[in-house]
Structures are given as C-alpha cells and as structure tokens.
PDB file of N, CA and C in Angstrom:
ATOM      1  N   MET A   1      11.158  18.941  49.844  1.00  0.00           N
ATOM      2  CA  MET A   1      10.995  17.646  49.154  1.00  0.00           C
ATOM      3  C   MET A   1      12.056  17.753  47.984  1.00  0.00           C
ATOM      4  N   THR A   2      12.757  16.583  47.839  1.00  0.00           N
ATOM      5  CA  THR A   2      13.896  16.392  46.867  1.00  0.00           C
ATOM      6  C   THR A   2      13.265  15.481  45.875  1.00  0.00           C
ATOM      7  N   THR A   3      13.408  15.918  44.537  1.00  0.00           N
ATOM      8  CA  THR A   3      13.065  15.146  43.381  1.00  0.00           C
ATOM      9  C   THR A   3      14.213  14.441  42.716  1.00  0.00           C
ATOM     10  N   THR A   4      14.251  13.231  42.445  1.00  0.00           N
ATOM     11  CA  THR A   4      15.345  12.561  41.866  1.00  0.00           C
ATOM     12  C   THR A   4      14.876  12.060  40.531  1.00  0.00           C
ATOM     13  N   HIS A   5      15.755  11.988  39.670  1.00  0.00           N
ATOM     14  CA  HIS A   5      15.532  11.317  38.306  1.00  0.00           C
ATOM     15  C   HIS A   5      16.561  10.234  38.052  1.00  0.00           C
ATOM     16  N   THR A   6      16.034   9.027  37.518  1.00  0.00           N
ATOM     17  CA  THR A   6      16.853   8.063  37.175  1.00  0.00           C
ATOM     18  C   THR A   6      16.903   7.863  35.740  1.00  0.00           C
ATOM     19  N   ARG A   7      18.020   7.845  35.041  1.00  0.00           N
ATOM     20  CA  ARG A   7      18.171   7.715  33.804  1.00  0.00           C
ATOM     21  C   ARG A   7      18.614   6.255  33.289  1.00  0.00           C
ATOM     22  N   VAL A   8      18.085   5.640  32.372  1.00  0.00           N
ATOM     23  CA  VAL A   8      18.526   4.394  31.913  1.00  0.00           C
ATOM     24  C   VAL A   8      18.788   4.524  30.358  1.00  0.00           C
ATOM     25  N   ALA A   9      20.065   4.108  30.061  1.00  0.00           N
ATOM     26  CA  ALA A   9      20.588   4.324  28.735  1.00  0.00           C
ATOM     27  C   ALA A   9      19.954   3.177  27.726  1.00  0.00           C
ATOM     28  N   GLY A  10      19.422   3.732  26.600  1.00  0.00           N
ATOM     29  CA  GLY A  10      19.004   2.789  25.520  1.00  0.00           C
ATOM     30  C   GLY A  10      19.413   3.460  24.313  1.00  0.00           C
ATOM     31  N   PHE A  11      19.914   2.854  23.361  1.00  0.00           N
ATOM     32  CA  PHE A  11      20.390   3.651  22.275  1.00  0.00           C
ATOM     33  C   PHE A  11      20.333   2.702  20.909  1.00  0.00           C
ATOM     34  N   ARG A  12      20.260   3.327  19.686  1.00  0.00           N
ATOM     35  CA  ARG A  12      20.319   2.731  18.433  1.00  0.00           C
ATOM     36  C   ARG A  12      21.284   3.643  17.597  1.00  0.00           C
ATOM     37  N   SER A  13      22.224   3.081  16.932  1.00  0.00           N
ATOM     38  CA  SER A  13      23.218   3.878  16.249  1.00  0.00           C
ATOM     39  C   SER A  13      23.735   2.946  15.236  1.00  0.00           C
ATOM     40  N   ALA A  14      24.339   3.721  14.149  1.00  0.00           N
ATOM     41  CA  ALA A  14      25.095   3.052  13.140  1.00  0.00           C
ATOM     42  C   ALA A  14      26.297   2.433  13.697  1.00  0.00           C
ATOM     43  N   THR A  15      26.621   1.298  13.146  1.00  0.00           N
ATOM     44  CA  THR A  15      27.764   0.520  13.611  1.00  0.00           C
ATOM     45  C   THR A  15      29.080   0.610  12.763  1.00  0.00           C
ATOM     46  N   VAL A  16      28.764   1.131  11.597  1.00  0.00           N
ATOM     47  CA  VAL A  16      29.990   1.284  10.524  1.00  0.00           C
ATOM     48  C   VAL A  16      29.896   2.731  10.090  1.00  0.00           C
ATOM     49  N   ASP A  17      31.114   3.295  10.077  1.00  0.00           N
ATOM     50  CA  ASP A  17      31.207   4.566   9.521  1.00  0.00           C
ATOM     51  C   ASP A  17      31.279   4.441   7.876  1.00  0.00           C
ATOM     52  N   PRO A  18      30.212   5.127   7.279  1.00  0.00           N
ATOM     53  CA  PRO A  18      30.196   4.943   5.786  1.00  0.00           C
ATOM     54  C   PRO A  18      31.242   5.431   5.056  1.00  0.00           C
ATOM     55  N   HIS A  19      32.162   6.158   5.599  1.00  0.00           N
ATOM     56  CA  HIS A  19      33.214   6.766   4.952  1.00  0.00           C
ATOM     57  C   HIS A  19      34.540   6.013   5.239  1.00  0.00           C
ATOM     58  N   GLU A  20      34.566   4.890   5.794  1.00  0.00           N
ATOM     59  CA  GLU A  20      35.720   4.135   6.005  1.00  0.00           C
ATOM     60  C   GLU A  20      36.310   3.583   4.749  1.00  0.00           C
ATOM     61  N   THR A  21      37.549   3.407   4.558  1.00  0.00           N
ATOM     62  CA  THR A  21      38.093   2.845   3.410  1.00  0.00           C
ATOM     63  C   THR A  21      37.702   1.559   3.210  1.00  0.00           C
ATOM     64  N   MET A  22      37.539   0.624   4.284  1.00  0.00           N
ATOM     65  CA  MET A  22      37.159  -0.711   4.204  1.00  0.00           C
ATOM     66  C   MET A  22      35.697  -0.739   4.550  1.00  0.00           C
ATOM     67  N   GLN A  23      34.876  -1.017   3.591  1.00  0.00           N
ATOM     68  CA  GLN A  23      33.432  -1.090   3.807  1.00  0.00           C
ATOM     69  C   GLN A  23      32.908  -2.505   3.837  1.00  0.00           C
ATOM     70  N   VAL A  24      32.388  -2.900   5.056  1.00  0.00           N
ATOM     71  CA  VAL A  24      31.673  -4.109   5.168  1.00  0.00           C
ATOM     72  C   VAL A  24      30.365  -4.191   4.480  1.00  0.00           C
ATOM     73  N   PHE A  25      29.641  -3.105   4.467  1.00  0.00           N
ATOM     74  CA  PHE A  25      28.298  -3.076   3.785  1.00  0.00           C
ATOM     75  C   PHE A  25      28.248  -1.994   2.755  1.00  0.00           C
ATOM     76  N   THR A  26      27.494  -2.105   1.706  1.00  0.00           N
ATOM     77  CA  THR A  26      27.333  -0.976   0.806  1.00  0.00           C
ATOM     78  C   THR A  26      26.511   0.184   1.379  1.00  0.00           C
ATOM     79  N   SER A  27      26.997   1.351   1.220  1.00  0.00           N
ATOM     80  CA  SER A  27      26.425   2.493   1.842  1.00  0.00           C
ATOM     81  C   SER A  27      24.949   2.625   1.369  1.00  0.00           C
ATOM     82  N   ARG A  28      24.011   3.019   2.192  1.00  0.00           N
ATOM     83  CA  ARG A  28      22.676   3.198   1.717  1.00  0.00           C
ATOM     84  C   ARG A  28      22.238   4.719   2.004  1.00  0.00           C
ATOM     85  N   ALA A  29      21.317   5.263   1.218  1.00  0.00           N
ATOM     86  CA  ALA A  29      20.716   6.506   1.416  1.00  0.00           C
ATOM     87  C   ALA A  29      19.169   6.323   1.517  1.00  0.00           C
ATOM     88  N   PHE A  30      18.467   7.230   2.138  1.00  0.00           N
ATOM     89  CA  PHE A  30      17.077   7.251   2.116  1.00  0.00           C
ATOM     90  C   PHE A  30      16.569   8.617   1.530  1.00  0.00           C
ATOM     91  N   ALA A  31      15.705   8.555   0.541  1.00  0.00           N
ATOM     92  CA  ALA A  31      15.154   9.651   0.212  1.00  0.00           C
ATOM     93  C   ALA A  31      13.584   9.448  -0.191  1.00  0.00           C
ATOM     94  N   GLY A  32      12.788  10.257   0.431  1.00  0.00           N
ATOM     95  CA  GLY A  32      11.297  10.094   0.268  1.00  0.00           C
ATOM     96  C   GLY A  32      10.780   8.697   0.826  1.00  0.00           C
ATOM     97  N   GLN A  33      11.493   8.196   1.937  1.00  0.00           N
ATOM     98  CA  GLN A  33      11.139   7.009   2.445  1.00  0.00           C
ATOM     99  C   GLN A  33      10.926   7.217   3.967  1.00  0.00           C
ATOM    100  N   THR A  34      10.309   6.157   4.531  1.00  0.00           N
ATOM    101  CA  THR A  34      10.060   6.337   6.061  1.00  0.00           C
ATOM    102  C   THR A  34      11.058   5.335   6.579  1.00  0.00           C
ATOM    103  N   LEU A  35      11.744   5.685   7.608  1.00  0.00           N
ATOM    104  CA  LEU A  35      12.694   4.859   8.204  1.00  0.00           C
ATOM    105  C   LEU A  35      12.330   4.664   9.655  1.00  0.00           C
ATOM    106  N   ARG A  36      12.066   3.407  10.010  1.00  0.00           N
ATOM    107  CA  ARG A  36      11.546   3.111  11.368  1.00  0.00           C
ATOM    108  C   ARG A  36      12.590   2.338  12.123  1.00  0.00           C
ATOM    109  N   GLN A  37      12.946   2.721  13.394  1.00  0.00           N
ATOM    110  CA  GLN A  37      13.963   2.075  14.122  1.00  0.00           C
ATOM    111  C   GLN A  37      13.279   1.632  15.449  1.00  0.00           C
ATOM    112  N   VAL A  38      13.412   0.378  15.823  1.00  0.00           N
ATOM    113  CA  VAL A  38      12.869  -0.055  17.070  1.00  0.00           C
ATOM    114  C   VAL A  38      13.793  -0.150  18.064  1.00  0.00           C
ATOM    115  N   VAL A  39      13.664   0.475  19.337  1.00  0.00           N
ATOM    116  CA  VAL A  39      14.410   0.452  20.433  1.00  0.00           C
ATOM    117  C   VAL A  39      13.753  -0.336  21.519  1.00  0.00           C
ATOM    118  N   HIS A  40      14.389  -1.304  22.236  1.00  0.00           N
ATOM    119  CA  HIS A  40      13.820  -2.110  23.118  1.00  0.00           C
ATOM    120  C   HIS A  40      14.270  -1.476  24.580  1.00  0.00           C
ATOM    121  N   LEU A  41      13.401  -0.898  25.313  1.00  0.00           N
ATOM    122  CA  LEU A  41      13.864  -0.378  26.574  1.00  0.00           C
ATOM    123  C   LEU A  41      13.079  -1.160  27.708  1.00  0.00           C
ATOM    124  N   ASP A  42      13.784  -1.295  28.792  1.00  0.00           N
ATOM    125  CA  ASP A  42      13.104  -2.024  29.883  1.00  0.00           C
ATOM    126  C   ASP A  42      13.372  -1.483  31.213  1.00  0.00           C
ATOM    127  N   GLY A  43      13.830  -0.287  31.248  1.00  0.00           N
ATOM    128  CA  GLY A  43      14.179   0.368  32.514  1.00  0.00           C
ATOM    129  C   GLY A  43      12.966   1.212  33.119  1.00  0.00           C
ATOM    130  N   GLY A  44      11.922   1.335  32.366  1.00  0.00           N
ATOM    131  CA  GLY A  44      10.822   2.068  32.920  1.00  0.00           C
ATOM    132  C   GLY A  44      10.998   3.620  32.784  1.00  0.00           C
ATOM    133  N   GLY A  45      10.126   4.360  33.295  1.00  0.00           N
ATOM    134  CA  GLY A  45      10.164   5.820  33.297  1.00  0.00           C
ATOM    135  C   GLY A  45       9.076   6.524  32.557  1.00  0.00           C
ATOM    136  N   SER A  46       9.034   7.794  32.684  1.00  0.00           N
ATOM    137  CA  SER A  46       7.898   8.540  32.068  1.00  0.00           C
ATOM    138  C   SER A  46       8.386   9.512  30.883  1.00  0.00           C
ATOM    139  N   ALA A  47       9.555   9.479  30.643  1.00  0.00           N
ATOM    140  CA  ALA A  47      10.199  10.374  29.635  1.00  0.00           C
ATOM    141  C   ALA A  47      11.273   9.865  28.818  1.00  0.00           C
ATOM    142  N   VAL A  48      11.468  10.280  27.651  1.00  0.00           N
ATOM    143  CA  VAL A  48      12.610   9.815  26.824  1.00  0.00           C
ATOM    144  C   VAL A  48      13.377  11.089  26.255  1.00  0.00           C
ATOM    145  N   ARG A  49      14.592  10.865  26.112  1.00  0.00           N
ATOM    146  CA  ARG A  49      15.378  11.879  25.417  1.00  0.00           C
ATOM    147  C   ARG A  49      15.915  11.309  24.081  1.00  0.00           C
ATOM    148  N   ILE A  50      15.664  12.179  22.945  1.00  0.00           N
ATOM    149  CA  ILE A  50      16.119  11.593  21.596  1.00  0.00           C
ATOM    150  C   ILE A  50      17.130  12.535  21.213  1.00  0.00           C
ATOM    151  N   LEU A  51      18.309  11.902  20.659  1.00  0.00           N
ATOM    152  CA  LEU A  51      19.367  12.608  20.125  1.00  0.00           C
ATOM    153  C   LEU A  51      19.532  12.105  18.483  1.00  0.00           C
ATOM    154  N   LEU A  52      19.319  13.100  17.713  1.00  0.00           N
ATOM    155  CA  LEU A  52      19.542  12.793  16.236  1.00  0.00           C
ATOM    156  C   LEU A  52      20.884  13.318  15.874  1.00  0.00           C
ATOM    157  N   SER A  53      21.673  12.555  15.199  1.00  0.00           N
ATOM    158  CA  SER A  53      23.043  12.977  14.851  1.00  0.00           C
ATOM    159  C   SER A  53      23.162  12.724  13.273  1.00  0.00           C
ATOM    160  N   ASN A  54      24.075  13.612  12.720  1.00  0.00           N
ATOM    161  CA  ASN A  54      24.485  13.557  11.436  1.00  0.00           C
ATOM    162  C   ASN A  54      25.984  13.317  11.403  1.00  0.00           C
ATOM    163  N   ARG A  55      26.541  12.514  12.380  1.00  0.00           N
ATOM    164  CA  ARG A  55      27.985  12.480  12.718  1.00  0.00           C
ATOM    165  C   ARG A  55      28.761  11.994  11.349  1.00  0.00           C
ATOM    166  N   TYR A  56      28.221  11.138  10.516  1.00  0.00           N
ATOM    167  CA  TYR A  56      28.994  10.682   9.454  1.00  0.00           C
ATOM    168  C   TYR A  56      28.512  11.353   8.091  1.00  0.00           C
ATOM    169  N   GLY A  57      27.660  12.246   8.297  1.00  0.00           N
ATOM    170  CA  GLY A  57      27.118  12.951   6.989  1.00  0.00           C
ATOM    171  C   GLY A  57      28.127  13.858   6.405  1.00  0.00           C
ATOM    172  N   THR A  58      28.029  14.035   5.047  1.00  0.00           N
ATOM    173  CA  THR A  58      28.981  14.892   4.407  1.00  0.00           C
ATOM    174  C   THR A  58      28.154  16.042   3.824  1.00  0.00           C
ATOM    175  N   GLN A  59      26.743  15.928   4.083  1.00  0.00           N
ATOM    176  CA  GLN A  59      25.847  17.153   3.626  1.00  0.00           C
ATOM    177  C   GLN A  59      24.873  17.308   4.929  1.00  0.00           C
ATOM    178  N   PRO A  60      24.215  18.451   4.912  1.00  0.00           N
ATOM    179  CA  PRO A  60      23.252  18.661   5.902  1.00  0.00           C
ATOM    180  C   PRO A  60      22.166  17.540   5.859  1.00  0.00           C
ATOM    181  N   LEU A  61      21.745  17.157   7.092  1.00  0.00           N
ATOM    182  CA  LEU A  61      20.731  16.302   7.290  1.00  0.00           C
ATOM    183  C   LEU A  61      19.292  16.794   7.343  1.00  0.00           C
ATOM    184  N   VAL A  62      18.439  16.472   6.415  1.00  0.00           N
ATOM    185  CA  VAL A  62      17.022  17.106   6.487  1.00  0.00           C
ATOM    186  C   VAL A  62      16.047  15.947   6.879  1.00  0.00           C
ATOM    187  N   ILE A  63      15.349  16.307   8.039  1.00  0.00           N
ATOM    188  CA  ILE A  63      14.348  15.351   8.632  1.00  0.00           C
ATOM    189  C   ILE A  63      13.026  15.940   8.384  1.00  0.00           C
ATOM    190  N   GLY A  64      12.170  15.311   7.533  1.00  0.00           N
ATOM    191  CA  GLY A  64      10.942  15.837   7.232  1.00  0.00           C
ATOM    192  C   GLY A  64       9.838  15.743   8.437  1.00  0.00           C
ATOM    193  N   GLU A  65      10.013  14.757   9.239  1.00  0.00           N
ATOM    194  CA  GLU A  65       9.291  14.582  10.417  1.00  0.00           C
ATOM    195  C   GLU A  65       9.733  13.423  11.255  1.00  0.00           C
ATOM    196  N   ALA A  66       9.675  13.564  12.523  1.00  0.00           N
ATOM    197  CA  ALA A  66      10.167  12.593  13.489  1.00  0.00           C
ATOM    198  C   ALA A  66       9.029  12.345  14.476  1.00  0.00           C
ATOM    199  N   ARG A  67       8.676  11.125  14.742  1.00  0.00           N
ATOM    200  CA  ARG A  67       7.600  10.696  15.676  1.00  0.00           C
ATOM    201  C   ARG A  67       8.225   9.605  16.659  1.00  0.00           C
ATOM    202  N   LEU A  68       7.457   9.618  17.693  1.00  0.00           N
ATOM    203  CA  LEU A  68       7.689   8.406  18.732  1.00  0.00           C
ATOM    204  C   LEU A  68       6.356   7.806  19.020  1.00  0.00           C
ATOM    205  N   ALA A  69       6.409   6.421  19.150  1.00  0.00           N
ATOM    206  CA  ALA A  69       5.152   5.768  19.548  1.00  0.00           C
ATOM    207  C   ALA A  69       5.559   4.249  20.134  1.00  0.00           C
ATOM    208  N   ALA A  70       4.638   3.810  21.009  1.00  0.00           N
ATOM    209  CA  ALA A  70       4.936   2.436  21.551  1.00  0.00           C
ATOM    210  C   ALA A  70       4.497   1.351  20.411  1.00  0.00           C
ATOM    211  N   ARG A  71       5.229   0.394  20.328  1.00  0.00           N
ATOM    212  CA  ARG A  71       5.072  -0.574  19.346  1.00  0.00           C
ATOM    213  C   ARG A  71       3.941  -1.597  19.939  1.00  0.00           C
ATOM    214  N   THR A  72       3.042  -2.133  19.276  1.00  0.00           N
ATOM    215  CA  THR A  72       2.147  -3.086  19.694  1.00  0.00           C
ATOM    216  C   THR A  72       2.560  -4.466  19.179  1.00  0.00           C
ATOM    217  N   ALA A  73       2.013  -5.067  18.213  1.00  0.00           N
ATOM    218  CA  ALA A  73       2.429  -6.270  17.580  1.00  0.00           C
ATOM    219  C   ALA A  73       2.848  -6.136  16.184  1.00  0.00           C
ATOM    220  N   GLY A  74       3.767  -6.958  15.730  1.00  0.00           N
ATOM    221  CA  GLY A  74       4.157  -6.832  14.298  1.00  0.00           C
ATOM    222  C   GLY A  74       4.768  -5.465  14.082  1.00  0.00           C
ATOM    223  N   ASN A  75       4.310  -4.815  13.017  1.00  0.00           N
ATOM    224  CA  ASN A  75       4.777  -3.491  12.670  1.00  0.00           C
ATOM    225  C   ASN A  75       3.740  -2.390  13.319  1.00  0.00           C
ATOM    226  N   GLY A  76       2.788  -2.778  14.015  1.00  0.00           N
ATOM    227  CA  GLY A  76       1.782  -1.804  14.585  1.00  0.00           C
ATOM    228  C   GLY A  76       2.321  -0.868  15.607  1.00  0.00           C
ATOM    229  N   ILE A  77       1.660   0.256  15.956  1.00  0.00           N
ATOM    230  CA  ILE A  77       1.922   1.162  16.918  1.00  0.00           C
ATOM    231  C   ILE A  77       0.631   1.427  17.655  1.00  0.00           C
ATOM    232  N   GLY A  78       0.799   1.904  18.946  1.00  0.00           N
ATOM    233  CA  GLY A  78      -0.414   2.185  19.655  1.00  0.00           C
ATOM    234  C   GLY A  78      -0.820   3.563  19.293  1.00  0.00           C
ATOM    235  N   PRO A  79      -1.969   3.770  18.586  1.00  0.00           N
ATOM    236  CA  PRO A  79      -2.415   5.090  18.154  1.00  0.00           C
ATOM    237  C   PRO A  79      -2.402   6.191  19.278  1.00  0.00           C
ATOM    238  N   SER A  80      -2.707   5.826  20.511  1.00  0.00           N
ATOM    239  CA  SER A  80      -2.757   6.834  21.544  1.00  0.00           C
ATOM    240  C   SER A  80      -1.502   7.271  21.983  1.00  0.00           C
ATOM    241  N   THR A  81      -0.377   6.453  21.553  1.00  0.00           N
ATOM    242  CA  THR A  81       0.997   6.909  22.014  1.00  0.00           C
ATOM    243  C   THR A  81       1.765   7.637  20.885  1.00  0.00           C
ATOM    244  N   ASP A  82       1.224   7.729  19.602  1.00  0.00           N
ATOM    245  CA  ASP A  82       1.877   8.262  18.487  1.00  0.00           C
ATOM    246  C   ASP A  82       1.908   9.767  18.756  1.00  0.00           C
ATOM    247  N   ALA A  83       3.078  10.392  18.815  1.00  0.00           N
ATOM    248  CA  ALA A  83       3.339  11.790  18.986  1.00  0.00           C
ATOM    249  C   ALA A  83       4.477  12.339  18.202  1.00  0.00           C
ATOM    250  N   PRO A  84       4.534  13.581  17.761  1.00  0.00           N
ATOM    251  CA  PRO A  84       5.510  14.110  17.090  1.00  0.00           C
ATOM    252  C   PRO A  84       6.561  14.480  17.928  1.00  0.00           C
ATOM    253  N   LEU A  85       7.893  14.413  17.550  1.00  0.00           N
ATOM    254  CA  LEU A  85       8.910  14.825  18.459  1.00  0.00           C
ATOM    255  C   LEU A  85       9.087  16.320  18.354  1.00  0.00           C
ATOM    256  N   LEU A  86       9.342  16.938  19.424  1.00  0.00           N
ATOM    257  CA  LEU A  86       9.498  18.426  19.402  1.00  0.00           C
ATOM    258  C   LEU A  86      10.908  18.746  19.678  1.00  0.00           C
ATOM    259  N   PHE A  87      11.378  19.760  19.010  1.00  0.00           N
ATOM    260  CA  PHE A  87      12.753  20.352  19.202  1.00  0.00           C
ATOM    261  C   PHE A  87      12.609  21.704  19.416  1.00  0.00           C
ATOM    262  N   GLY A  88      13.081  22.166  20.603  1.00  0.00           N
ATOM    263  CA  GLY A  88      13.027  23.581  20.963  1.00  0.00           C
ATOM    264  C   GLY A  88      11.426  24.021  21.045  1.00  0.00           C
ATOM    265  N   GLY A  89      10.558  23.139  21.387  1.00  0.00           N
ATOM    266  CA  GLY A  89       9.158  23.376  21.358  1.00  0.00           C
ATOM    267  C   GLY A  89       8.309  23.307  20.096  1.00  0.00           C
ATOM    268  N   ALA A  90       9.092  23.040  18.968  1.00  0.00           N
ATOM    269  CA  ALA A  90       8.454  22.962  17.757  1.00  0.00           C
ATOM    270  C   ALA A  90       8.739  21.656  17.114  1.00  0.00           C
ATOM    271  N   ALA A  91       7.581  21.259  16.313  1.00  0.00           N
ATOM    272  CA  ALA A  91       7.660  19.914  15.592  1.00  0.00           C
ATOM    273  C   ALA A  91       8.559  19.960  14.334  1.00  0.00           C
TER     274      ALA A  91
END
C-alpha cells in the first residue's frame, strides 16, 4: 500500500524588510505582548507545518509560547483545537 501526501501552501510573512533604507512603515517591535496572526487555508488536510523565522532580525528572537487553534467567530478560537506548537517534541 502506498501512502501519498498532498501539501497545500499557505503562508503569512512580513512584506517589508525593516532594515531597508526606504521605509514605507515605521518599524514595530513587540515585548510582553500577544501577537495573533490569522491564516486562511482552504486546501484541507490533517496536519500543518509551521516555520518561524528571524530573517530580518538583528538580535536573537525569543518566543515565550507558540500555539495553534482554529478560529471561530470574531477573535474567538475553538477551545478543543487550541494546542501548543512543539519543536523537536518540546513546547
């Protein structure tokens, strides 16, 4: 029996390098805040792959906690879908 996997691309990323000489927007930083990004996927599937990057960072990136959940309405999430992201098997 052969198992096949289909991957559907969906992504969220910064659109402007904060270190460019011409800045369209003022650079922002987050400290002690929650940052929520909503990604709209419609390809189906039973798994996701998350890649966090510090591509434009000038200092190490510290992430206190990362979670994944399905959005319900407004800013709500489905409590049964709320789960910590694991990296190398550890939260």
